[in-house]
Amino acid sequence: MKATWILPDGQQITAEVPEGQSLMQAAVAHNVPLVLGECGGNLSCATCHVVVPPDWIDRVGPPNDFEEPMLDVTEAERQPASRLSCQIRMTAALDGIVLIVPQP
């Protein structure tokens, strides 16, 4: 399964992501700039902020109750489709997903 991150400068990074792995872990493993995951996916840093394009948002789903307040403290301004990539796990339904990495 694959995921693509679009960086603020338009560069794209596409990587294989195993089922069940968080998209934050995949981004860190593939050196995606600006996706840091400093807390290791523990919902305490918001350094894995991404924006989900409209054609993917229904498949990704909304933020959970714990993620919501963390989205308010992201370095880049929160957008309606903002998510923390540590909370998005790769599934067959997300194969080919595209995520936008916002400019801080």
C-alpha atoms as a PDB file:
ATOM      1  CA  MET A   1       0.000   0.000   0.000  1.00  0.00           C
ATOM      2  CA  LYS A   2       1.217   3.490  -0.765  1.00  0.00           C
ATOM      3  CA  ALA A   3       0.923   6.979   0.669  1.00  0.00           C
ATOM      4  CA  THR A   4       2.067  10.275  -0.824  1.00  0.00           C
ATOM      5  CA  TRP A   5       2.963  13.418   1.101  1.00  0.00           C
ATOM      6  CA  ILE A   6       2.884  16.731  -0.767  1.00  0.00           C
ATOM      7  CA  LEU A   7       5.335  19.211   0.749  1.00  0.00           C
ATOM      8  CA  PRO A   8       4.790  22.986   0.875  1.00  0.00           C
ATOM      9  CA  ASP A   9       7.145  23.458  -2.109  1.00  0.00           C
ATOM     10  CA  GLY A  10       5.120  20.978  -4.201  1.00  0.00           C
ATOM     11  CA  GLN A  11       7.630  18.138  -3.912  1.00  0.00           C
ATOM     12  CA  GLN A  12       5.997  14.738  -3.449  1.00  0.00           C
ATOM     13  CA  ILE A  13       7.280  11.777  -1.476  1.00  0.00           C
ATOM     14  CA  THR A  14       5.593   8.430  -2.070  1.00  0.00           C
ATOM     15  CA  ALA A  15       6.326   5.412   0.087  1.00  0.00           C
ATOM     16  CA  GLU A  16       5.155   1.893   0.762  1.00  0.00           C
ATOM     17  CA  VAL A  17       3.288   1.730   4.063  1.00  0.00           C
ATOM     18  CA  PRO A  18       2.434  -1.573   5.738  1.00  0.00           C
ATOM     19  CA  GLU A  19      -1.131  -2.135   6.872  1.00  0.00           C
ATOM     20  CA  GLY A  20      -1.623  -0.961  10.453  1.00  0.00           C
ATOM     21  CA  GLN A  21       1.328   1.449  10.497  1.00  0.00           C
ATOM     22  CA  SER A  22       0.510   5.050  11.339  1.00  0.00           C
ATOM     23  CA  LEU A  23       1.127   7.548   8.580  1.00  0.00           C
ATOM     24  CA  MET A  24       3.302   9.509  11.021  1.00  0.00           C
ATOM     25  CA  GLN A  25       5.565   6.481  11.509  1.00  0.00           C
ATOM     26  CA  ALA A  26       5.721   5.998   7.755  1.00  0.00           C
ATOM     27  CA  ALA A  27       6.552   9.684   7.185  1.00  0.00           C
ATOM     28  CA  VAL A  28       9.338   9.627   9.768  1.00  0.00           C
ATOM     29  CA  ALA A  29      10.727   6.375   8.331  1.00  0.00           C
ATOM     30  CA  HIS A  30      10.840   7.953   4.867  1.00  0.00           C
ATOM     31  CA  ASN A  31      12.273  11.300   6.025  1.00  0.00           C
ATOM     32  CA  VAL A  32       9.247  13.383   5.082  1.00  0.00           C
ATOM     33  CA  PRO A  33      10.209  16.950   6.063  1.00  0.00           C
ATOM     34  CA  LEU A  34       8.013  18.757   8.593  1.00  0.00           C
ATOM     35  CA  VAL A  35       6.417  15.536   9.867  1.00  0.00           C
ATOM     36  CA  LEU A  36       8.406  15.029  13.049  1.00  0.00           C
ATOM     37  CA  GLY A  37       6.324  12.897  15.380  1.00  0.00           C
ATOM     38  CA  GLU A  38       8.332  14.106  18.369  1.00  0.00           C
ATOM     39  CA  CYS A  39       6.070  12.377  20.919  1.00  0.00           C
ATOM     40  CA  GLY A  40       6.116   9.063  19.075  1.00  0.00           C
ATOM     41  CA  GLY A  41       2.396   9.097  18.414  1.00  0.00           C
ATOM     42  CA  ASN A  42       1.233   9.718  21.981  1.00  0.00           C
ATOM     43  CA  LEU A  43      -0.984  12.719  21.117  1.00  0.00           C
ATOM     44  CA  SER A  44       1.154  15.160  23.058  1.00  0.00           C
ATOM     45  CA  CYS A  45       3.059  17.227  20.496  1.00  0.00           C
ATOM     46  CA  ALA A  46       1.080  17.867  17.263  1.00  0.00           C
ATOM     47  CA  THR A  47       4.293  17.730  15.179  1.00  0.00           C
ATOM     48  CA  CYS A  48       2.778  15.293  12.670  1.00  0.00           C
ATOM     49  CA  HIS A  49       0.076  17.660  11.407  1.00  0.00           C
ATOM     50  CA  VAL A  50      -1.179  16.988   7.877  1.00  0.00           C
ATOM     51  CA  VAL A  51      -4.163  18.120   5.833  1.00  0.00           C
ATOM     52  CA  VAL A  52      -6.321  15.482   4.190  1.00  0.00           C
ATOM     53  CA  PRO A  53      -7.564  16.391   0.686  1.00  0.00           C
ATOM     54  CA  PRO A  54     -11.365  16.417   0.219  1.00  0.00           C
ATOM     55  CA  ASP A  55     -11.425  13.199  -1.822  1.00  0.00           C
ATOM     56  CA  TRP A  56      -9.834  11.279   1.085  1.00  0.00           C
ATOM     57  CA  ILE A  57     -11.488  12.847   4.125  1.00  0.00           C
ATOM     58  CA  ASP A  58     -14.482  10.469   4.242  1.00  0.00           C
ATOM     59  CA  ARG A  59     -12.208   7.417   4.179  1.00  0.00           C
ATOM     60  CA  VAL A  60      -9.874   8.854   6.837  1.00  0.00           C
ATOM     61  CA  GLY A  61     -12.683   9.989   9.110  1.00  0.00           C
ATOM     62  CA  PRO A  62     -12.840  12.774  11.684  1.00  0.00           C
ATOM     63  CA  PRO A  63     -10.409  13.394  14.538  1.00  0.00           C
ATOM     64  CA  ASN A  64     -11.176  11.621  17.800  1.00  0.00           C
ATOM     65  CA  ASP A  65     -11.899  13.422  21.070  1.00  0.00           C
ATOM     66  CA  PHE A  66      -8.251  13.300  22.167  1.00  0.00           C
ATOM     67  CA  GLU A  67      -6.921  14.526  18.814  1.00  0.00           C
ATOM     68  CA  GLU A  68      -9.273  17.524  18.583  1.00  0.00           C
ATOM     69  CA  PRO A  69      -7.548  19.703  21.238  1.00  0.00           C
ATOM     70  CA  MET A  70      -4.082  18.872  19.882  1.00  0.00           C
ATOM     71  CA  LEU A  71      -5.086  20.159  16.454  1.00  0.00           C
ATOM     72  CA  ASP A  72      -5.582  23.562  18.042  1.00  0.00           C
ATOM     73  CA  VAL A  73      -1.875  23.781  18.936  1.00  0.00           C
ATOM     74  CA  THR A  74      -0.281  22.782  15.632  1.00  0.00           C
ATOM     75  CA  GLU A  75       2.506  25.020  14.356  1.00  0.00           C
ATOM     76  CA  ALA A  76       0.780  25.507  11.001  1.00  0.00           C
ATOM     77  CA  GLU A  77      -2.728  26.918  11.222  1.00  0.00           C
ATOM     78  CA  ARG A  78      -5.428  24.298  11.651  1.00  0.00           C
ATOM     79  CA  GLN A  79      -7.618  23.729   8.609  1.00  0.00           C
ATOM     80  CA  PRO A  80     -11.033  22.018   8.409  1.00  0.00           C
ATOM     81  CA  ALA A  81      -9.406  18.789   7.153  1.00  0.00           C
ATOM     82  CA  SER A  82      -6.402  18.881   9.493  1.00  0.00           C
ATOM     83  CA  ARG A  83      -5.414  15.623  11.183  1.00  0.00           C
ATOM     84  CA  LEU A  84      -2.506  14.317  13.193  1.00  0.00           C
ATOM     85  CA  SER A  85      -0.936  11.634  11.045  1.00  0.00           C
ATOM     86  CA  CYS A  86      -0.121   9.545  14.135  1.00  0.00           C
ATOM     87  CA  GLN A  87      -3.852   8.901  14.395  1.00  0.00           C
ATOM     88  CA  ILE A  88      -4.275   7.664  10.821  1.00  0.00           C
ATOM     89  CA  ARG A  89      -3.388   4.002  10.325  1.00  0.00           C
ATOM     90  CA  MET A  90      -2.871   2.518   6.884  1.00  0.00           C
ATOM     91  CA  THR A  91      -5.650   0.246   5.699  1.00  0.00           C
ATOM     92  CA  ALA A  92      -6.552  -1.171   2.312  1.00  0.00           C
ATOM     93  CA  ALA A  93      -9.169   1.594   2.014  1.00  0.00           C
ATOM     94  CA  LEU A  94      -6.384   4.198   2.313  1.00  0.00           C
ATOM     95  CA  ASP A  95      -4.076   2.655  -0.286  1.00  0.00           C
ATOM     96  CA  GLY A  96      -2.911   5.542  -2.482  1.00  0.00           C
ATOM     97  CA  ILE A  97      -3.773   8.243   0.061  1.00  0.00           C
ATOM     98  CA  VAL A  98      -2.378  11.720  -0.460  1.00  0.00           C
ATOM     99  CA  LEU A  99      -1.589  13.982   2.503  1.00  0.00           C
ATOM    100  CA  ILE A 100      -0.648  17.650   2.373  1.00  0.00           C
ATOM    101  CA  VAL A 101       2.124  18.757   4.712  1.00  0.00           C
ATOM    102  CA  PRO A 102       1.320  22.363   5.705  1.00  0.00           C
ATOM    103  CA  GLN A 103       3.880  25.169   5.862  1.00  0.00           C
ATOM    104  CA  PRO A 104       4.618  26.036   9.500  1.00  0.00           C
END
